[in-house]
Structures are given as C-alpha cells and as structure tokens.
PDB file of all heavy atoms in Angstrom:
ATOM      1  N   GLN A   1      45.075 -26.840 200.588  1.00  0.00           N
ATOM      2  CA  GLN A   1      45.166 -27.762 201.729  1.00  0.00           C
ATOM      3  C   GLN A   1      46.033 -28.892 201.602  1.00  0.00           C
ATOM      4  O   GLN A   1      46.300 -29.347 200.344  1.00  0.00           O
ATOM      5  CB  GLN A   1      43.687 -28.157 202.114  1.00  0.00           C
ATOM      6  CG  GLN A   1      42.879 -27.101 202.613  1.00  0.00           C
ATOM      7  CD  GLN A   1      41.557 -27.694 203.226  1.00  0.00           C
ATOM      8  OE1 GLN A   1      41.082 -28.676 202.640  1.00  0.00           O
ATOM      9  NE2 GLN A   1      41.017 -27.069 204.252  1.00  0.00           N
ATOM     10  N   ALA A   2      46.580 -29.439 202.498  1.00  0.00           N
ATOM     11  CA  ALA A   2      47.434 -30.671 202.507  1.00  0.00           C
ATOM     12  C   ALA A   2      46.557 -31.803 201.789  1.00  0.00           C
ATOM     13  O   ALA A   2      45.434 -31.940 201.964  1.00  0.00           O
ATOM     14  CB  ALA A   2      47.796 -31.222 203.818  1.00  0.00           C
ATOM     15  N   GLY A   3      47.256 -32.466 200.841  1.00  0.00           N
ATOM     16  CA  GLY A   3      46.657 -33.455 199.965  1.00  0.00           C
ATOM     17  C   GLY A   3      46.116 -32.961 198.674  1.00  0.00           C
ATOM     18  O   GLY A   3      45.787 -33.681 197.774  1.00  0.00           O
ATOM     19  N   GLY A   4      46.185 -31.697 198.552  1.00  0.00           N
ATOM     20  CA  GLY A   4      45.678 -31.015 197.350  1.00  0.00           C
ATOM     21  C   GLY A   4      46.740 -30.961 196.274  1.00  0.00           C
ATOM     22  O   GLY A   4      47.821 -31.457 196.400  1.00  0.00           O
ATOM     23  N   SER A   5      46.413 -30.348 195.061  1.00  0.00           N
ATOM     24  CA  SER A   5      47.226 -30.260 193.975  1.00  0.00           C
ATOM     25  C   SER A   5      47.384 -28.808 193.467  1.00  0.00           C
ATOM     26  O   SER A   5      46.465 -28.013 193.644  1.00  0.00           O
ATOM     27  CB  SER A   5      46.672 -31.084 192.832  1.00  0.00           C
ATOM     28  OG  SER A   5      46.573 -32.498 193.218  1.00  0.00           O
ATOM     29  N   LEU A   6      48.446 -28.528 192.734  1.00  0.00           N
ATOM     30  CA  LEU A   6      48.578 -27.247 192.124  1.00  0.00           C
ATOM     31  C   LEU A   6      49.441 -27.528 190.870  1.00  0.00           C
ATOM     32  O   LEU A   6      50.269 -28.431 190.895  1.00  0.00           O
ATOM     33  CB  LEU A   6      49.397 -26.220 192.952  1.00  0.00           C
ATOM     34  CG  LEU A   6      48.629 -25.417 194.059  1.00  0.00           C
ATOM     35  CD1 LEU A   6      49.592 -24.631 194.831  1.00  0.00           C
ATOM     36  CD2 LEU A   6      47.552 -24.634 193.432  1.00  0.00           C
ATOM     37  N   ARG A   7      49.296 -26.751 189.888  1.00  0.00           N
ATOM     38  CA  ARG A   7      50.098 -26.837 188.653  1.00  0.00           C
ATOM     39  C   ARG A   7      50.788 -25.481 188.449  1.00  0.00           C
ATOM     40  O   ARG A   7      50.102 -24.460 188.233  1.00  0.00           O
ATOM     41  CB  ARG A   7      49.383 -27.212 187.431  1.00  0.00           C
ATOM     42  CG  ARG A   7      50.315 -27.546 186.225  1.00  0.00           C
ATOM     43  CD  ARG A   7      49.607 -27.982 184.949  1.00  0.00           C
ATOM     44  NE  ARG A   7      48.933 -26.848 184.279  1.00  0.00           N
ATOM     45  CZ  ARG A   7      48.627 -26.907 182.986  1.00  0.00           C
ATOM     46  NH1 ARG A   7      48.797 -27.922 182.309  1.00  0.00           N
ATOM     47  NH2 ARG A   7      47.971 -25.778 182.444  1.00  0.00           N
ATOM     48  N   LEU A   8      52.125 -25.479 188.518  1.00  0.00           N
ATOM     49  CA  LEU A   8      52.844 -24.319 188.228  1.00  0.00           C
ATOM     50  C   LEU A   8      53.257 -24.212 186.777  1.00  0.00           C
ATOM     51  O   LEU A   8      53.593 -25.274 186.250  1.00  0.00           O
ATOM     52  CB  LEU A   8      54.200 -24.279 189.120  1.00  0.00           C
ATOM     53  CG  LEU A   8      53.993 -24.439 190.593  1.00  0.00           C
ATOM     54  CD1 LEU A   8      55.342 -24.269 191.305  1.00  0.00           C
ATOM     55  CD2 LEU A   8      53.056 -23.366 191.090  1.00  0.00           C
ATOM     56  N   SER A   9      53.321 -23.014 186.180  1.00  0.00           N
ATOM     57  CA  SER A   9      53.671 -22.891 184.859  1.00  0.00           C
ATOM     58  C   SER A   9      54.912 -21.885 184.824  1.00  0.00           C
ATOM     59  O   SER A   9      54.972 -20.957 185.629  1.00  0.00           O
ATOM     60  CB  SER A   9      52.613 -22.147 184.006  1.00  0.00           C
ATOM     61  OG  SER A   9      51.464 -23.009 184.020  1.00  0.00           O
ATOM     62  N   CYS A  10      55.721 -22.159 183.804  1.00  0.00           N
ATOM     63  CA  CYS A  10      56.798 -21.187 183.571  1.00  0.00           C
ATOM     64  C   CYS A  10      56.890 -20.898 182.088  1.00  0.00           C
ATOM     65  O   CYS A  10      57.200 -21.775 181.277  1.00  0.00           O
ATOM     66  CB  CYS A  10      58.246 -21.927 183.982  1.00  0.00           C
ATOM     67  SG  CYS A  10      59.688 -20.983 183.564  1.00  0.00           S
ATOM     68  N   ALA A  11      56.478 -19.686 181.741  1.00  0.00           N
ATOM     69  CA  ALA A  11      56.515 -19.221 180.382  1.00  0.00           C
ATOM     70  C   ALA A  11      57.889 -18.633 180.057  1.00  0.00           C
ATOM     71  O   ALA A  11      58.331 -17.666 180.679  1.00  0.00           O
ATOM     72  CB  ALA A  11      55.416 -18.188 180.177  1.00  0.00           C
ATOM     73  N   ALA A  12      58.564 -19.204 179.015  1.00  0.00           N
ATOM     74  CA  ALA A  12      59.857 -18.878 178.644  1.00  0.00           C
ATOM     75  C   ALA A  12      59.978 -18.119 177.414  1.00  0.00           C
ATOM     76  O   ALA A  12      59.249 -18.505 176.564  1.00  0.00           O
ATOM     77  CB  ALA A  12      60.812 -20.163 178.614  1.00  0.00           C
ATOM     78  N   SER A  13      60.774 -17.044 177.335  1.00  0.00           N
ATOM     79  CA  SER A  13      60.874 -16.276 176.096  1.00  0.00           C
ATOM     80  C   SER A  13      62.170 -15.680 175.992  1.00  0.00           C
ATOM     81  O   SER A  13      62.988 -15.715 176.893  1.00  0.00           O
ATOM     82  CB  SER A  13      59.718 -15.166 176.058  1.00  0.00           C
ATOM     83  OG  SER A  13      60.027 -14.320 177.177  1.00  0.00           O
ATOM     84  N   GLY A  14      62.512 -15.185 174.730  1.00  0.00           N
ATOM     85  CA  GLY A  14      63.778 -14.578 174.557  1.00  0.00           C
ATOM     86  C   GLY A  14      64.825 -15.377 173.718  1.00  0.00           C
ATOM     87  O   GLY A  14      65.746 -14.788 173.213  1.00  0.00           O
ATOM     88  N   ARG A  15      64.577 -16.641 173.626  1.00  0.00           N
ATOM     89  CA  ARG A  15      65.508 -17.451 172.752  1.00  0.00           C
ATOM     90  C   ARG A  15      64.885 -18.841 172.616  1.00  0.00           C
ATOM     91  O   ARG A  15      63.799 -19.208 173.101  1.00  0.00           O
ATOM     92  CB  ARG A  15      66.934 -17.528 173.336  1.00  0.00           C
ATOM     93  CG  ARG A  15      66.911 -18.270 174.619  1.00  0.00           C
ATOM     94  CD  ARG A  15      68.366 -18.158 175.090  1.00  0.00           C
ATOM     95  NE  ARG A  15      68.953 -16.791 175.162  1.00  0.00           N
ATOM     96  CZ  ARG A  15      70.124 -16.512 175.386  1.00  0.00           C
ATOM     97  NH1 ARG A  15      71.002 -17.395 175.515  1.00  0.00           N
ATOM     98  NH2 ARG A  15      70.492 -15.150 175.492  1.00  0.00           N
ATOM     99  N   THR A  16      65.464 -19.684 171.760  1.00  0.00           N
ATOM    100  CA  THR A  16      65.077 -21.026 171.639  1.00  0.00           C
ATOM    101  C   THR A  16      65.751 -21.886 172.614  1.00  0.00           C
ATOM    102  O   THR A  16      66.887 -21.740 172.990  1.00  0.00           O
ATOM    103  CB  THR A  16      65.504 -21.627 170.210  1.00  0.00           C
ATOM    104  OG1 THR A  16      65.038 -20.838 169.220  1.00  0.00           O
ATOM    105  CG2 THR A  16      65.085 -22.997 170.016  1.00  0.00           C
ATOM    106  N   PHE A  17      64.835 -22.659 173.316  1.00  0.00           N
ATOM    107  CA  PHE A  17      65.298 -23.397 174.551  1.00  0.00           C
ATOM    108  C   PHE A  17      65.608 -24.826 174.366  1.00  0.00           C
ATOM    109  O   PHE A  17      65.804 -25.515 175.308  1.00  0.00           O
ATOM    110  CB  PHE A  17      64.264 -23.139 175.675  1.00  0.00           C
ATOM    111  CG  PHE A  17      64.140 -21.816 176.231  1.00  0.00           C
ATOM    112  CD1 PHE A  17      63.356 -20.839 175.661  1.00  0.00           C
ATOM    113  CD2 PHE A  17      64.987 -21.358 177.285  1.00  0.00           C
ATOM    114  CE1 PHE A  17      63.383 -19.455 176.136  1.00  0.00           C
ATOM    115  CE2 PHE A  17      64.946 -20.123 177.821  1.00  0.00           C
ATOM    116  CZ  PHE A  17      64.112 -19.176 177.197  1.00  0.00           C
ATOM    117  N   THR A  18      65.751 -25.207 173.129  1.00  0.00           N
ATOM    118  CA  THR A  18      65.911 -26.622 172.821  1.00  0.00           C
ATOM    119  C   THR A  18      67.190 -27.230 173.428  1.00  0.00           C
ATOM    120  O   THR A  18      67.347 -28.437 173.743  1.00  0.00           O
ATOM    121  CB  THR A  18      65.923 -26.992 171.365  1.00  0.00           C
ATOM    122  OG1 THR A  18      66.725 -26.087 170.664  1.00  0.00           O
ATOM    123  CG2 THR A  18      64.339 -26.803 170.921  1.00  0.00           C
ATOM    124  N   SER A  19      68.160 -26.386 173.656  1.00  0.00           N
ATOM    125  CA  SER A  19      69.382 -26.905 174.219  1.00  0.00           C
ATOM    126  C   SER A  19      69.563 -26.699 175.695  1.00  0.00           C
ATOM    127  O   SER A  19      70.569 -26.930 176.259  1.00  0.00           O
ATOM    128  CB  SER A  19      70.664 -26.168 173.454  1.00  0.00           C
ATOM    129  OG  SER A  19      70.525 -24.745 173.752  1.00  0.00           O
ATOM    130  N   TYR A  20      68.504 -26.246 176.299  1.00  0.00           N
ATOM    131  CA  TYR A  20      68.533 -25.879 177.706  1.00  0.00           C
ATOM    132  C   TYR A  20      68.009 -26.991 178.569  1.00  0.00           C
ATOM    133  O   TYR A  20      67.128 -27.872 178.294  1.00  0.00           O
ATOM    134  CB  TYR A  20      67.609 -24.727 178.007  1.00  0.00           C
ATOM    135  CG  TYR A  20      68.376 -23.432 177.669  1.00  0.00           C
ATOM    136  CD1 TYR A  20      68.640 -23.018 176.373  1.00  0.00           C
ATOM    137  CD2 TYR A  20      68.687 -22.426 178.685  1.00  0.00           C
ATOM    138  CE1 TYR A  20      69.296 -21.821 176.085  1.00  0.00           C
ATOM    139  CE2 TYR A  20      69.366 -21.251 178.361  1.00  0.00           C
ATOM    140  CZ  TYR A  20      69.572 -21.049 177.114  1.00  0.00           C
ATOM    141  OH  TYR A  20      70.256 -19.779 176.834  1.00  0.00           O
ATOM    142  N   TYR A  21      68.482 -26.991 179.842  1.00  0.00           N
ATOM    143  CA  TYR A  21      67.888 -27.758 180.956  1.00  0.00           C
ATOM    144  C   TYR A  21      66.908 -26.680 181.666  1.00  0.00           C
ATOM    145  O   TYR A  21      67.339 -25.567 181.883  1.00  0.00           O
ATOM    146  CB  TYR A  21      68.904 -28.282 181.905  1.00  0.00           C
ATOM    147  CG  TYR A  21      69.675 -29.381 181.310  1.00  0.00           C
ATOM    148  CD1 TYR A  21      70.783 -29.172 180.629  1.00  0.00           C
ATOM    149  CD2 TYR A  21      69.242 -30.710 181.503  1.00  0.00           C
ATOM    150  CE1 TYR A  21      71.584 -30.249 180.107  1.00  0.00           C
ATOM    151  CE2 TYR A  21      69.966 -31.807 181.001  1.00  0.00           C
ATOM    152  CZ  TYR A  21      71.138 -31.569 180.299  1.00  0.00           C
ATOM    153  OH  TYR A  21      71.890 -32.577 179.786  1.00  0.00           O
ATOM    154  N   MET A  22      65.766 -27.159 182.014  1.00  0.00           N
ATOM    155  CA  MET A  22      64.815 -26.367 182.702  1.00  0.00           C
ATOM    156  C   MET A  22      64.519 -26.874 184.181  1.00  0.00           C
ATOM    157  O   MET A  22      64.302 -28.053 184.197  1.00  0.00           O
ATOM    158  CB  MET A  22      63.511 -26.146 181.968  1.00  0.00           C
ATOM    159  CG  MET A  22      63.658 -25.620 180.545  1.00  0.00           C
ATOM    160  SD  MET A  22      64.236 -23.978 180.435  1.00  0.00           S
ATOM    161  CE  MET A  22      62.852 -23.054 181.150  1.00  0.00           C
ATOM    162  N   GLY A  23      64.713 -26.057 185.068  1.00  0.00           N
ATOM    163  CA  GLY A  23      64.630 -26.689 186.437  1.00  0.00           C
ATOM    164  C   GLY A  23      63.591 -25.966 187.274  1.00  0.00           C
ATOM    165  O   GLY A  23      63.221 -24.731 187.025  1.00  0.00           O
ATOM    166  N   TRP A  24      63.136 -26.532 188.318  1.00  0.00           N
ATOM    167  CA  TRP A  24      62.218 -25.974 189.356  1.00  0.00           C
ATOM    168  C   TRP A  24      63.058 -26.183 190.579  1.00  0.00           C
ATOM    169  O   TRP A  24      63.539 -27.215 190.986  1.00  0.00           O
ATOM    170  CB  TRP A  24      60.908 -26.655 189.383  1.00  0.00           C
ATOM    171  CG  TRP A  24      59.912 -26.308 188.331  1.00  0.00           C
ATOM    172  CD1 TRP A  24      59.665 -26.985 187.170  1.00  0.00           C
ATOM    173  CD2 TRP A  24      59.091 -25.169 188.314  1.00  0.00           C
ATOM    174  NE1 TRP A  24      58.732 -26.328 186.462  1.00  0.00           N
ATOM    175  CE2 TRP A  24      58.338 -25.168 187.032  1.00  0.00           C
ATOM    176  CE3 TRP A  24      58.986 -23.960 189.176  1.00  0.00           C
ATOM    177  CZ2 TRP A  24      57.372 -24.191 186.707  1.00  0.00           C
ATOM    178  CZ3 TRP A  24      58.011 -22.969 188.731  1.00  0.00           C
ATOM    179  CH2 TRP A  24      57.300 -23.130 187.591  1.00  0.00           C
ATOM    180  N   PHE A  25      63.167 -25.029 191.317  1.00  0.00           N
ATOM    181  CA  PHE A  25      63.777 -24.959 192.620  1.00  0.00           C
ATOM    182  C   PHE A  25      62.811 -24.333 193.589  1.00  0.00           C
ATOM    183  O   PHE A  25      61.800 -23.662 193.202  1.00  0.00           O
ATOM    184  CB  PHE A  25      65.063 -24.129 192.592  1.00  0.00           C
ATOM    185  CG  PHE A  25      66.167 -24.898 191.846  1.00  0.00           C
ATOM    186  CD1 PHE A  25      66.240 -24.836 190.453  1.00  0.00           C
ATOM    187  CD2 PHE A  25      67.238 -25.515 192.474  1.00  0.00           C
ATOM    188  CE1 PHE A  25      67.206 -25.501 189.745  1.00  0.00           C
ATOM    189  CE2 PHE A  25      68.234 -26.163 191.754  1.00  0.00           C
ATOM    190  CZ  PHE A  25      68.261 -26.132 190.424  1.00  0.00           C
ATOM    191  N   ARG A  26      63.005 -24.571 194.904  1.00  0.00           N
ATOM    192  CA  ARG A  26      62.169 -23.887 195.909  1.00  0.00           C
ATOM    193  C   ARG A  26      62.990 -23.386 197.044  1.00  0.00           C
ATOM    194  O   ARG A  26      64.008 -23.927 197.375  1.00  0.00           O
ATOM    195  CB  ARG A  26      61.054 -24.788 196.396  1.00  0.00           C
ATOM    196  CG  ARG A  26      61.527 -26.059 197.114  1.00  0.00           C
ATOM    197  CD  ARG A  26      60.415 -27.050 197.431  1.00  0.00           C
ATOM    198  NE  ARG A  26      60.878 -28.262 198.076  1.00  0.00           N
ATOM    199  CZ  ARG A  26      60.158 -29.269 198.233  1.00  0.00           C
ATOM    200  NH1 ARG A  26      58.852 -29.339 197.720  1.00  0.00           N
ATOM    201  NH2 ARG A  26      60.557 -30.304 198.903  1.00  0.00           N
ATOM    202  N   GLN A  27      62.400 -22.472 197.717  1.00  0.00           N
ATOM    203  CA  GLN A  27      63.173 -21.889 198.875  1.00  0.00           C
ATOM    204  C   GLN A  27      62.150 -21.605 199.947  1.00  0.00           C
ATOM    205  O   GLN A  27      61.241 -20.809 199.662  1.00  0.00           O
ATOM    206  CB  GLN A  27      63.941 -20.646 198.547  1.00  0.00           C
ATOM    207  CG  GLN A  27      64.878 -20.144 199.675  1.00  0.00           C
ATOM    208  CD  GLN A  27      65.876 -19.153 199.190  1.00  0.00           C
ATOM    209  OE1 GLN A  27      65.784 -18.577 198.173  1.00  0.00           O
ATOM    210  NE2 GLN A  27      66.915 -19.013 200.068  1.00  0.00           N
ATOM    211  N   ALA A  28      62.166 -22.244 201.086  1.00  0.00           N
ATOM    212  CA  ALA A  28      61.369 -21.973 202.291  1.00  0.00           C
ATOM    213  C   ALA A  28      62.034 -20.927 203.161  1.00  0.00           C
ATOM    214  O   ALA A  28      63.206 -20.830 203.108  1.00  0.00           O
ATOM    215  CB  ALA A  28      61.145 -23.261 202.991  1.00  0.00           C
ATOM    216  N   PRO A  29      61.237 -20.291 203.996  1.00  0.00           N
ATOM    217  CA  PRO A  29      61.825 -19.294 204.856  1.00  0.00           C
ATOM    218  C   PRO A  29      62.883 -19.839 205.718  1.00  0.00           C
ATOM    219  O   PRO A  29      62.713 -20.895 206.368  1.00  0.00           O
ATOM    220  CB  PRO A  29      60.540 -18.757 205.745  1.00  0.00           C
ATOM    221  CG  PRO A  29      59.490 -19.080 204.822  1.00  0.00           C
ATOM    222  CD  PRO A  29      59.824 -20.358 204.033  1.00  0.00           C
ATOM    223  N   GLY A  30      64.050 -19.134 205.719  1.00  0.00           N
ATOM    224  CA  GLY A  30      65.113 -19.670 206.619  1.00  0.00           C
ATOM    225  C   GLY A  30      65.932 -20.821 206.085  1.00  0.00           C
ATOM    226  O   GLY A  30      66.843 -21.306 206.766  1.00  0.00           O
ATOM    227  N   LYS A  31      65.535 -21.206 204.924  1.00  0.00           N
ATOM    228  CA  LYS A  31      66.314 -22.334 204.305  1.00  0.00           C
ATOM    229  C   LYS A  31      66.979 -21.962 202.977  1.00  0.00           C
ATOM    230  O   LYS A  31      66.653 -20.984 202.384  1.00  0.00           O
ATOM    231  CB  LYS A  31      65.259 -23.553 204.090  1.00  0.00           C
ATOM    232  CG  LYS A  31      64.722 -24.097 205.384  1.00  0.00           C
ATOM    233  CD  LYS A  31      63.897 -25.404 205.147  1.00  0.00           C
ATOM    234  CE  LYS A  31      63.468 -25.994 206.407  1.00  0.00           C
ATOM    235  NZ  LYS A  31      62.757 -27.243 206.141  1.00  0.00           N
ATOM    236  N   GLU A  32      67.934 -22.869 202.609  1.00  0.00           N
ATOM    237  CA  GLU A  32      68.522 -22.674 201.275  1.00  0.00           C
ATOM    238  C   GLU A  32      67.650 -23.104 200.153  1.00  0.00           C
ATOM    239  O   GLU A  32      66.806 -23.957 200.371  1.00  0.00           O
ATOM    240  CB  GLU A  32      69.856 -23.443 201.253  1.00  0.00           C
ATOM    241  CG  GLU A  32      71.005 -22.981 202.222  1.00  0.00           C
ATOM    242  CD  GLU A  32      72.205 -23.715 202.045  1.00  0.00           C
ATOM    243  OE1 GLU A  32      72.298 -24.588 201.132  1.00  0.00           O
ATOM    244  OE2 GLU A  32      73.195 -23.267 202.687  1.00  0.00           O
ATOM    245  N   ARG A  33      67.863 -22.531 198.968  1.00  0.00           N
ATOM    246  CA  ARG A  33      67.227 -22.877 197.876  1.00  0.00           C
ATOM    247  C   ARG A  33      67.485 -24.336 197.447  1.00  0.00           C
ATOM    248  O   ARG A  33      68.701 -24.811 197.505  1.00  0.00           O
ATOM    249  CB  ARG A  33      67.535 -22.035 196.630  1.00  0.00           C
ATOM    250  CG  ARG A  33      66.673 -22.252 195.430  1.00  0.00           C
ATOM    251  CD  ARG A  33      66.881 -21.090 194.428  1.00  0.00           C
ATOM    252  NE  ARG A  33      66.593 -19.773 194.912  1.00  0.00           N
ATOM    253  CZ  ARG A  33      66.613 -18.668 194.132  1.00  0.00           C
ATOM    254  NH1 ARG A  33      66.900 -18.728 192.920  1.00  0.00           N
ATOM    255  NH2 ARG A  33      66.263 -17.517 194.814  1.00  0.00           N
ATOM    256  N   GLU A  34      66.564 -25.163 197.154  1.00  0.00           N
ATOM    257  CA  GLU A  34      66.835 -26.606 196.939  1.00  0.00           C
ATOM    258  C   GLU A  34      66.208 -27.030 195.654  1.00  0.00           C
ATOM    259  O   GLU A  34      65.126 -26.533 195.125  1.00  0.00           O
ATOM    260  CB  GLU A  34      66.209 -27.481 198.047  1.00  0.00           C
ATOM    261  CG  GLU A  34      64.734 -27.426 198.142  1.00  0.00           C
ATOM    262  CD  GLU A  34      64.279 -28.404 199.260  1.00  0.00           C
ATOM    263  OE1 GLU A  34      65.067 -29.158 199.803  1.00  0.00           O
ATOM    264  OE2 GLU A  34      62.982 -28.466 199.456  1.00  0.00           O
ATOM    265  N   PHE A  35      66.748 -27.990 194.906  1.00  0.00           N
ATOM    266  CA  PHE A  35      66.254 -28.555 193.695  1.00  0.00           C
ATOM    267  C   PHE A  35      65.018 -29.325 193.914  1.00  0.00           C
ATOM    268  O   PHE A  35      64.848 -30.151 194.897  1.00  0.00           O
ATOM    269  CB  PHE A  35      67.460 -29.558 193.251  1.00  0.00           C
ATOM    270  CG  PHE A  35      66.891 -30.348 192.035  1.00  0.00           C
ATOM    271  CD1 PHE A  35      66.858 -29.871 190.779  1.00  0.00           C
ATOM    272  CD2 PHE A  35      66.695 -31.735 192.212  1.00  0.00           C
ATOM    273  CE1 PHE A  35      66.548 -30.614 189.708  1.00  0.00           C
ATOM    274  CE2 PHE A  35      66.372 -32.500 191.138  1.00  0.00           C
ATOM    275  CZ  PHE A  35      66.329 -32.066 189.903  1.00  0.00           C
ATOM    276  N   VAL A  36      64.118 -29.209 192.944  1.00  0.00           N
ATOM    277  CA  VAL A  36      62.856 -29.953 192.984  1.00  0.00           C
ATOM    278  C   VAL A  36      62.731 -30.892 191.763  1.00  0.00           C
ATOM    279  O   VAL A  36      62.577 -32.175 191.957  1.00  0.00           O
ATOM    280  CB  VAL A  36      61.657 -29.042 192.936  1.00  0.00           C
ATOM    281  CG1 VAL A  36      60.351 -29.739 192.892  1.00  0.00           C
ATOM    282  CG2 VAL A  36      61.645 -27.990 194.160  1.00  0.00           C
TER     283      VAL A  36
END
C-alpha cells in the first residue's frame, strides 16, 4: 500500500564486483527505463 516499504535484493555472482558500479533502474508500463 502507499506509504509502505519494500526491500529489494540483488544477488550477484560470477565474478568479483569490487570494480563495478551497481545500479537499480525501473520501467513502468508504456514508459522508458529510468535510473533509480
């Protein structure tokens, strides 16, 4: 519900990620993907 909370998780594997930037993006119906 509006006003509530959620926690998203992203489990990464396959290499060491210390040199990486990690991002969250979102895409709503009919809209372009956008940076979060």
